[in-house]
Protein backbone atom coordinates (compact mmCIF):
# COMPACT_ATOMS: atom_id res chain seq x y z
CA MET A 1 53.46 131.33 46.95
CA THR A 2 54.94 130.19 43.61
CA ARG A 3 56.97 132.58 41.50
CA SER A 4 54.22 132.90 38.87
CA LYS A 5 51.58 133.65 41.50
CA GLN A 6 53.88 136.19 43.15
CA ALA A 7 54.48 137.89 39.80
CA GLY A 8 50.74 137.98 39.17
CA MET A 9 50.07 139.52 42.58
CA ASP A 10 52.85 142.08 42.07
CA PHE A 11 51.24 143.05 38.77
CA SER A 12 47.83 143.32 40.45
CA VAL A 13 49.15 145.57 43.24
CA GLY A 14 51.13 147.61 40.71
CA THR A 15 48.00 148.04 38.61
CA LEU A 16 46.11 149.20 41.70
CA ASN A 17 48.87 151.72 42.37
CA PHE A 18 48.61 152.96 38.77
CA LEU A 19 44.81 153.28 38.81
CA ALA A 20 44.86 155.10 42.14
CA ASN A 21 47.20 157.74 40.70
CA VAL A 22 45.40 158.29 37.38
CA GLY A 23 41.85 157.22 38.29
CA ILE A 24 40.62 160.67 39.28
CA ILE A 25 41.31 162.30 35.91
CA LEU A 26 41.76 159.61 33.23
CA PRO A 27 38.06 158.59 32.99
CA TYR A 28 37.07 162.25 32.65
CA ILE A 29 39.62 162.78 29.87
CA LEU A 30 38.43 159.72 27.95
CA ILE A 31 34.73 160.58 28.21
CA LEU A 32 35.55 164.16 27.19
CA ALA A 33 37.58 162.87 24.22
CA ARG A 34 34.68 160.70 23.07
CA PHE A 35 32.30 163.66 23.40
CA GLN A 36 34.64 165.93 21.43
CA ARG A 37 34.99 163.30 18.70
CA THR A 38 31.27 162.53 18.40
CA GLN A 39 29.75 165.88 19.53
CA SER A 40 26.86 163.74 20.78
CA THR A 41 24.44 165.12 23.37
CA THR A 42 24.41 161.63 24.89
CA TYR A 43 28.09 161.85 25.77
CA LEU A 44 27.71 165.42 27.00
CA ILE A 45 25.08 164.25 29.48
CA ALA A 46 27.29 161.31 30.45
CA LEU A 47 30.24 163.67 30.96
CA VAL A 48 28.20 165.97 33.20
CA ALA A 49 26.87 162.98 35.17
CA PHE A 50 30.42 161.73 35.70
CA TYR A 51 31.66 165.15 36.79
CA VAL A 52 28.83 165.61 39.29
CA SER A 53 29.15 162.06 40.64
CA ARG A 54 32.89 162.57 41.14
CA ALA A 55 32.33 165.81 43.04
CA ALA A 56 29.48 164.45 45.17
CA SER A 57 30.99 161.10 46.09
CA ILE A 58 33.81 162.49 48.21
CA PHE A 59 31.23 164.02 50.57
CA TYR A 60 29.00 161.00 51.04
CA THR A 61 31.23 157.98 50.67
CA LYS A 62 31.76 157.56 54.44
CA ARG A 63 28.04 157.56 55.26
CA LEU A 64 28.01 153.74 55.41
CA HIS A 65 30.98 153.73 57.82
CA LEU A 66 32.87 150.88 56.16
CA ARG A 67 36.59 150.32 56.49
CA ALA A 68 38.94 152.11 54.08
CA SER A 69 40.19 148.78 52.71
CA THR A 70 36.60 147.68 52.01
CA TYR A 71 35.82 150.99 50.32
CA LEU A 72 38.90 150.48 48.13
CA ILE A 73 37.54 147.16 46.86
CA LEU A 74 34.17 148.82 46.25
CA SER A 75 35.86 151.62 44.32
CA LEU A 76 37.69 149.15 42.09
CA THR A 77 34.53 147.13 41.45
CA LEU A 78 32.46 150.17 40.51
CA GLY A 79 35.30 151.51 38.37
CA ALA A 80 35.37 148.24 36.44
CA ALA A 81 31.59 148.30 36.01
CA GLY A 82 31.59 151.93 34.85
CA SER A 83 34.35 151.56 32.27
CA LEU A 84 32.95 148.29 30.88
CA ILE A 85 29.52 149.90 30.51
CA PHE A 86 31.14 152.59 28.35
CA ALA A 87 32.84 149.90 26.30
CA ILE A 88 29.75 147.71 25.81
CA ALA A 89 26.54 149.71 26.24
CA ALA A 90 27.30 152.82 24.14
CA PRO A 91 25.48 154.84 22.92
CA HIS A 92 22.45 154.05 25.12
CA LEU A 93 21.91 157.11 27.33
CA GLY A 94 20.44 155.31 30.35
CA TRP A 95 23.32 152.87 30.60
CA LEU A 96 25.90 155.62 30.07
CA ILE A 97 24.43 157.66 32.92
CA ILE A 98 24.64 154.59 35.18
CA GLY A 99 28.21 154.01 34.03
CA SER A 100 29.07 157.66 34.69
CA LEU A 101 27.65 157.55 38.22
CA LEU A 102 29.56 154.37 39.07
CA TRP A 103 32.79 155.53 37.49
CA GLY A 104 32.45 158.96 39.09
CA TYR A 105 32.31 157.39 42.55
CA SER A 106 35.39 155.33 41.77
CA ALA A 107 37.29 158.33 40.41
CA ALA A 108 36.54 160.38 43.53
CA THR A 109 37.40 157.74 46.12
CA ILE A 110 40.07 155.40 44.75
CA TRP A 111 43.01 157.67 45.59
CA PRO A 112 42.10 158.72 49.17
CA TYR A 113 41.23 155.14 50.15
CA PHE A 114 44.34 153.75 48.46
CA LEU A 115 46.45 156.40 50.22
CA THR A 116 44.84 155.50 53.55
CA VAL A 117 45.60 151.81 53.09
CA LYS A 118 49.11 152.65 51.91
CA LEU A 119 49.73 154.73 55.05
CA HIS A 120 48.38 151.88 57.17
CA LEU A 121 50.90 149.56 55.50
CA THR A 122 53.75 152.01 56.01
CA ASN A 123 53.01 152.27 59.73
CA LEU A 124 52.17 148.62 60.40
CA THR A 125 54.32 146.51 58.09
CA ASN A 126 57.30 146.53 55.75
CA PHE A 127 55.07 145.71 52.77
CA LYS A 128 56.26 147.49 49.59
CA MET A 129 54.48 148.05 46.31
CA LYS A 130 56.27 147.60 43.02
CA ARG A 131 55.91 150.47 40.57
CA ILE A 132 55.11 149.36 37.03
CA TYR A 133 53.67 152.62 35.74
CA TRP A 134 55.61 152.69 32.50
CA LEU A 135 54.59 149.18 31.53
CA ILE A 136 50.89 149.93 32.04
CA PHE A 137 51.17 153.40 30.48
CA ALA A 138 52.83 151.87 27.43
CA GLY A 139 50.07 149.26 27.05
CA LEU A 140 47.38 151.90 27.53
CA GLY A 141 49.10 154.19 25.02
CA ILE A 142 49.19 151.43 22.41
CA ILE A 143 45.48 150.73 22.88
CA VAL A 144 44.62 154.44 22.61
CA ALA A 145 46.64 154.67 19.38
CA ILE A 146 44.83 151.64 17.95
CA ASP A 147 41.51 153.18 19.01
CA ILE A 148 42.30 156.41 17.17
CA VAL A 149 43.61 154.73 14.02
CA THR A 150 40.72 152.26 13.77
CA LYS A 151 38.12 154.90 14.78
CA PHE A 152 36.64 152.73 17.53
CA ASN A 153 35.92 155.89 19.56
CA TYR A 154 37.96 154.66 22.54
CA THR A 155 35.93 151.45 22.93
CA LEU A 156 39.11 149.38 23.27
CA THR A 157 40.52 151.82 25.82
CA PHE A 158 37.38 151.65 27.96
CA ALA A 159 37.50 147.84 27.78
CA LEU A 160 41.19 147.77 28.75
CA LEU A 161 40.56 150.06 31.72
CA GLY A 162 37.71 147.83 32.85
CA LEU A 163 40.10 144.88 32.66
CA LEU A 164 42.75 146.79 34.65
CA TYR A 165 40.23 147.52 37.43
CA LEU A 166 39.42 143.80 37.59
CA ILE A 167 43.12 142.88 37.61
CA ALA A 168 43.66 145.28 40.53
CA ILE A 169 40.98 143.68 42.73
CA PRO A 170 43.18 140.74 43.92
CA GLY A 171 45.82 143.30 44.89
CA GLY A 172 43.20 145.24 46.82
CA LEU A 173 42.10 142.06 48.60
CA LEU A 174 45.71 141.35 49.52
CA LEU A 175 46.11 144.82 51.02
CA GLN A 176 42.84 144.34 52.88
CA LYS A 177 44.20 141.11 54.36
CA VAL A 178 47.52 142.69 55.32
CA THR A 179 45.82 145.58 57.15
CA ARG A 180 43.14 143.47 58.82
CA GLY A 181 44.87 143.61 62.21
CA LEU A 182 44.36 147.37 62.34
CA TYR A 183 40.61 146.87 62.63
CA ASP A 184 40.59 144.24 65.38
CA ASP A 185 39.36 146.78 67.94
CA ARG A 186 36.89 148.42 65.51
CA PRO A 187 33.65 146.43 65.17
CA TRP A 188 32.31 146.36 61.60
CA GLN A 189 28.84 147.79 61.22
CA ILE A 190 26.71 149.74 58.78
CA LYS A 191 25.17 152.72 60.54
CA PRO A 192 21.86 154.23 59.46
CA LEU A 193 21.89 157.38 57.37
CA LYS A 194 21.05 160.58 59.26
CA GLN A 195 20.23 164.22 58.49
CA GLY A 196 18.01 163.55 55.50
CA TRP A 197 17.59 167.28 54.90
CA ARG A 198 21.31 167.53 54.11
CA TRP A 199 20.86 164.83 51.47
CA VAL A 200 18.10 166.95 49.91
CA LEU A 201 20.36 170.01 49.94
CA SER A 202 23.18 168.04 48.38
CA LEU A 203 20.92 166.82 45.58
CA ILE A 204 19.97 170.45 44.84
CA PHE A 205 23.60 171.55 44.99
CA PHE A 206 24.93 168.95 42.59
CA ALA A 207 21.97 169.44 40.27
CA VAL A 208 23.09 173.08 40.12
CA MET A 209 26.66 171.99 39.41
CA ALA A 210 25.33 169.82 36.60
CA VAL A 211 23.58 172.84 35.07
CA LEU A 212 26.72 174.99 35.37
CA THR A 213 28.92 172.27 33.90
CA THR A 214 26.53 171.96 30.95
CA LEU A 215 26.68 175.73 30.40
CA ARG A 216 30.47 175.43 30.21
CA LYS A 217 30.35 172.83 27.46
CA ALA A 218 27.27 173.55 25.38
CA THR A 219 25.31 176.51 24.04
CA VAL A 220 22.34 176.58 26.40
CA TYR A 221 20.60 179.90 26.96
CA LEU A 222 19.45 180.83 30.45
CA PRO A 223 18.44 184.33 31.57
CA ILE A 224 21.21 186.12 33.47
CA TRP A 225 19.07 186.57 36.59
CA LEU A 226 18.25 182.86 36.66
CA THR A 227 21.87 181.82 36.25
CA LEU A 228 23.00 184.15 39.04
CA THR A 229 20.18 182.87 41.26
CA ILE A 230 21.30 179.30 40.62
CA ILE A 231 24.88 180.20 41.50
CA GLY A 232 23.72 182.03 44.65
CA VAL A 233 21.67 179.03 45.81
CA ALA A 234 24.66 176.74 45.23
CA LEU A 235 26.94 179.07 47.21
CA ILE A 236 24.52 179.17 50.15
CA ILE A 237 24.22 175.37 50.20
CA LEU A 238 28.01 175.03 49.98
CA LEU A 239 28.43 177.34 52.98
CA VAL A 240 25.79 175.39 54.95
CA GLU A 241 27.58 172.11 54.28
CA LEU A 242 30.92 173.68 55.16
CA HIS A 243 29.45 174.99 58.43
CA PHE A 244 28.40 171.50 59.52
CA ASP A 245 31.85 170.09 58.72
CA TRP A 246 33.73 173.00 60.27
CA HIS A 247 34.39 171.14 63.53
CA LEU A 248 36.56 168.62 61.67
CA LEU A 249 40.31 169.05 61.30
CA PRO A 250 40.87 172.03 63.61
CA GLN A 251 43.68 174.34 62.43
CA TYR A 252 43.83 172.65 59.01
CA LYS A 253 40.57 173.81 57.43
CA PHE A 254 41.92 176.97 55.80
CA ARG A 255 44.98 175.13 54.57
CA LEU A 256 42.84 172.53 52.79
CA LEU A 257 40.32 175.06 51.48
CA SER A 258 43.20 177.13 50.12
CA ARG A 259 44.75 174.06 48.52
CA GLY A 260 41.50 173.10 46.78
CA PHE A 261 40.93 176.67 45.59
CA LEU A 262 44.49 176.92 44.24
CA VAL A 263 44.27 173.60 42.36
CA SER A 264 41.05 174.71 40.65
CA LEU A 265 42.56 178.14 39.99
CA VAL A 266 45.49 176.50 38.20
CA LEU A 267 43.89 173.55 36.43
CA LEU A 268 40.37 174.84 35.71
CA PHE A 269 40.57 178.61 35.37
CA ASN A 270 44.11 178.89 34.02
CA GLY A 271 43.60 175.83 31.85
CA PHE A 272 41.45 178.19 29.77
CA PHE A 273 42.92 181.60 30.68
CA ALA A 274 46.42 180.51 29.59
CA TYR A 275 45.15 180.76 26.00
CA PHE A 276 45.24 184.56 26.32
CA TYR A 277 48.95 184.39 27.15
CA LEU A 278 50.15 181.40 25.14
CA GLY A 279 47.54 180.60 22.52
CA LYS A 280 46.42 177.04 21.86
CA THR A 281 49.38 175.52 23.72
CA GLY A 282 48.46 177.38 26.92
CA MET A 283 46.47 174.56 28.52
CA TYR A 284 49.29 172.06 27.96
CA VAL A 285 51.88 174.47 29.37
CA VAL A 286 49.77 174.96 32.51
CA PHE A 287 49.35 171.21 32.98
CA ALA A 288 53.11 170.69 32.49
CA ILE A 289 53.94 173.40 35.05
CA TYR A 290 51.48 171.89 37.53
CA LEU A 291 52.95 168.40 37.16
CA LEU A 292 56.49 169.79 37.50
CA GLY A 293 55.57 171.60 40.71
CA LEU A 294 53.66 168.63 42.06
CA GLU A 295 56.67 166.34 41.65
CA THR A 296 59.46 168.73 42.68
CA GLY A 297 57.80 170.97 45.29
CA TYR A 298 58.51 168.79 48.30
CA PRO A 299 62.18 167.95 47.60
CA LEU A 300 62.88 171.59 46.64
CA PHE A 301 61.44 173.23 49.77
CA HIS A 302 62.73 170.41 51.97
CA ARG A 303 66.25 171.11 50.72
CA LEU A 304 65.86 174.89 50.94
CA GLY A 305 64.62 174.48 54.52
CA ARG A 306 67.64 172.27 55.32
CA GLY A 307 65.37 169.51 56.53
CA GLU A 308 63.58 171.66 59.13
CA ASP A 309 59.81 171.34 58.66
CA ASN A 310 58.85 174.79 59.95
CA ARG A 311 61.44 176.54 57.81
CA SER A 312 60.42 174.57 54.72
CA ARG A 313 56.76 175.37 55.39
CA ASP A 314 57.56 179.09 55.81
CA LEU A 315 59.44 179.14 52.52
CA SER A 316 56.60 177.37 50.71
CA LEU A 317 54.10 179.93 52.06
CA ILE A 318 56.33 182.81 50.98
CA GLY A 319 56.57 181.16 47.56
CA VAL A 320 52.81 180.77 47.10
CA VAL A 321 52.09 184.35 48.21
CA VAL A 322 54.72 185.68 45.78
CA GLY A 323 53.26 183.44 43.08
CA GLN A 324 49.75 184.78 43.62
CA VAL A 325 50.98 188.38 43.55
CA LEU A 326 52.85 187.69 40.30
CA LEU A 327 49.58 186.55 38.72
CA LEU A 328 48.28 190.10 39.25
CA ILE A 329 50.93 191.44 36.84
CA PRO A 330 49.85 191.31 33.17
CA TRP A 331 53.12 189.93 31.80
CA ILE A 332 53.82 186.44 30.53
CA GLY A 333 57.07 186.10 32.51
CA SER A 334 55.46 186.88 35.85
CA TYR A 335 52.51 184.66 34.88
CA LEU A 336 54.66 181.58 34.24
CA LEU A 337 56.79 182.14 37.35
CA GLY A 338 53.69 182.71 39.46
CA MET A 339 52.09 179.50 38.20
CA LEU A 340 55.27 177.57 38.96
CA LEU A 341 55.52 178.92 42.52
CA ILE A 342 51.89 178.00 43.22
CA ALA A 343 52.41 174.51 41.78
CA LEU A 344 55.57 174.06 43.87
CA TYR A 345 53.60 175.01 46.99
CA VAL A 346 50.89 172.45 46.20
CA GLY A 347 53.61 169.86 45.54
CA TYR A 348 55.20 170.55 48.91
CA ASP A 349 51.97 170.85 50.88
CA ASN A 350 50.39 167.64 49.62
CA PRO A 351 52.71 165.00 51.17
CA THR A 352 53.32 167.01 54.34
CA ILE A 353 49.65 167.41 55.15
CA ASN A 354 49.01 163.73 54.32
CA ALA A 355 51.55 162.68 56.94
CA THR A 356 50.33 165.29 59.44
CA LEU A 357 46.63 164.45 59.22
CA TYR A 358 47.23 160.69 59.34
CA GLY A 359 49.14 161.08 62.61
CA LEU A 360 46.67 163.41 64.37
CA ASP A 361 45.29 162.04 67.64
CA THR A 362 42.03 163.94 67.09
CA VAL A 363 41.24 162.30 63.73
CA ASP A 364 40.60 158.65 62.97
CA SER A 365 43.45 157.53 60.70
CA ASP A 366 40.98 155.51 58.60
CA THR A 367 39.01 158.65 57.68
CA ALA A 368 41.71 161.34 57.73
CA MET A 369 42.31 161.33 53.96
CA ILE A 370 38.59 161.50 53.18
CA HIS A 371 38.25 164.54 55.46
CA LYS A 372 41.23 166.08 53.70
CA TYR A 373 39.75 165.68 50.23
CA ARG A 374 36.33 166.83 51.38
CA PHE A 375 37.73 170.18 52.53
CA SER A 376 39.92 170.42 49.46
CA THR A 377 36.84 169.79 47.29
CA TYR A 378 34.98 172.53 49.17
CA GLY A 379 37.75 174.90 48.10
CA GLY A 380 37.62 173.69 44.51
CA LEU A 381 33.85 174.08 44.31
CA LEU A 382 34.10 177.56 45.82
CA CYS A 383 36.54 178.50 43.06
CA GLN A 384 34.24 177.07 40.38
CA LEU A 385 31.24 179.02 41.68
CA GLY A 386 33.39 182.14 41.76
CA ILE A 387 34.44 181.59 38.15
CA PHE A 388 30.87 181.09 36.96
CA GLY A 389 29.47 184.00 38.94
CA LEU A 390 32.08 186.45 37.67
CA LEU A 391 31.84 185.11 34.13
CA VAL A 392 28.04 185.48 34.02
CA ILE A 393 28.32 189.09 35.21
CA LEU A 394 31.03 189.87 32.64
CA SER A 395 29.01 188.20 29.89
CA ALA A 396 25.97 190.32 30.78
CA ILE A 397 27.94 193.57 30.90
CA THR A 398 29.86 193.00 27.65
CA HIS A 399 27.14 191.04 25.82
CA ARG A 400 29.55 188.18 25.16
CA PRO A 401 28.44 184.53 25.20
CA LEU A 402 29.41 182.47 28.22
CA LEU A 403 31.24 179.91 26.07
CA ALA A 404 33.54 182.61 24.65
CA PHE A 405 35.88 182.16 27.64
CA PHE A 406 35.88 178.36 27.52
CA ASN A 407 36.31 178.24 23.76
CA PRO A 408 38.32 181.37 22.88
CA GLN A 409 39.03 182.18 19.25
CA SER A 410 41.38 185.12 19.83
CA ALA A 411 43.29 186.81 22.63
CA GLY A 412 41.61 190.13 21.94
CA HIS A 413 39.71 190.20 25.24
CA PHE A 414 42.73 189.64 27.48
CA ALA A 415 42.11 192.75 29.62
CA LEU A 416 38.46 191.82 30.20
CA TYR A 417 39.27 188.39 31.60
CA PHE A 418 42.48 189.49 33.32
CA TYR A 419 40.84 192.21 35.40
CA GLY A 420 37.31 190.78 35.52
CA LEU A 421 38.13 187.15 36.34
CA ASN A 422 41.79 186.70 37.19
CA TYR A 423 42.06 189.63 39.64
CA PRO A 424 39.14 188.77 41.95
CA LEU A 425 39.94 185.03 41.90
CA VAL A 426 43.58 185.61 42.84
CA ILE A 427 42.57 188.04 45.60
CA ILE A 428 40.18 185.42 47.05
CA SER A 429 42.98 182.86 46.95
CA LEU A 430 45.28 185.33 48.74
CA LEU A 431 42.67 185.77 51.48
CA LEU A 432 42.44 182.00 51.93
CA THR A 433 46.23 181.77 52.07
CA SER A 434 46.21 184.51 54.72
CA GLY A 435 43.79 182.37 56.73
CA THR A 436 46.19 179.47 56.32
CA ILE A 437 49.05 181.54 57.74
CA TRP A 438 46.93 182.98 60.58
CA VAL A 439 45.80 179.65 61.98
CA ARG A 440 48.95 177.73 61.13
CA PRO A 441 49.94 175.28 63.87
CA ARG A 442 53.52 175.07 65.02
CA ASP A 443 55.25 171.82 65.84
């Protein structure tokens, strides 16, 4: 391979690495930014469609039983199609819904399939990926700045992202070629879809999530009894789905459910609740704390545990329990420390469970990461339903609009949300963490 071709392939693989790391959240942020700038109902519907597609795709992506490397190429292709539709077809609602559905699938699946292929490479070859995050981030930042200055409503950014997805496809094909030997003893076939009634339930469930997401972002009046009924139906369906997946990942279910619940507790609930502690900067402080914990959690607990996995795991569990308890104290100092301890736990738990699940004899290594994110998503959805259910009850009791929590104008109702929302959510998370400790396997 010539030097220029090698450089091009390195850039393609590096772009794939970049998209896998930011692909789950960046499309959502950009669609949300366009909605906030235009306040168009069209983009609100597109945003809800994207959100629902992203949540649903992680549950049903493996139904065709393709290889992880093939799914990765599919994810890149649909991501390119979705972002280019937003760049070209706006503001036509039908096309934007299609783009949202395609992009939502890509956002949900690109990271777990990329991680699976990356773990295959780590175990089979000495192939290494070059990190060029800053180069791509810089280019993307320049395009976003031009978009804002020229008032193109992020059209250039959507187009650039579509181009990046296309650039990453050759890198994905290369990784598919490198890992091909892993599948020599696994015949390729598309299996027929089964359990049609579960598909019907899932359609109802994610239709409910679409309604709840719309309520969070727009002033839509629904009777309290109807909203609570909708949430109750969604909770029942979620528990039914969880029951049928319960046989997967023995001894790791609570750990993943707890992880998903904690991530939603930090990023979704506290993304808004932080306003009552820190004002308008609260959301950014929470995101910064989460990123700090995500990046430093593993090296910190690994060092504190002196390289012993069980000791490091014990310390991380002590940290997350202390962090959750601190969130029950109405003081900004304990709040910030509690958030940091939870984020550090998530940062430690993430890479350790990735390595553990991939090496389990009872789980196919090609599907381990998908199972992980399915259970984690169950936990996140459980947290979201809990937030909505509690918020609807509080809104009915206090005669406050539902959107008052998601778009606060003052911190005057701190006690209401602290004791009415924060307390029960943290207690639920503590119960899930207790389940994690109770069924924790020992090496």
